[in-house]
């Protein structure tokens, strides 16, 4: 596991407490990982997720992809989505969970 934050003092403290490696450069961070869980303010989601996908990384992002001000014009279909299969599988998993939940009620 690794950790990156724009506030290096906070991230260094957090990482040291948890035995994580801390990074201060998004490009080198993304080059060193396989999966990123984006836990940032919504307005920077798009930049981080696109950078990860361009490096053929798996990206988990909560809330919106583009944030409040992003234009959302990026095409995540076909060849432009390196992890399209993973996205389809994740969607199928969500549908299976919803179906199972409905059967229980």
Foldseek 3Di string as FASTA:
>chain_A
DADEDCPVVVRVVVCVVVVHHYDDDLLVVLVPDAEEEDDDAQCCQQVSVLSNQVVVHHYHYPDDNHHDPRPPPQDCDDPSPSCVVVVVVVVVVVVVVVVVVVVVD
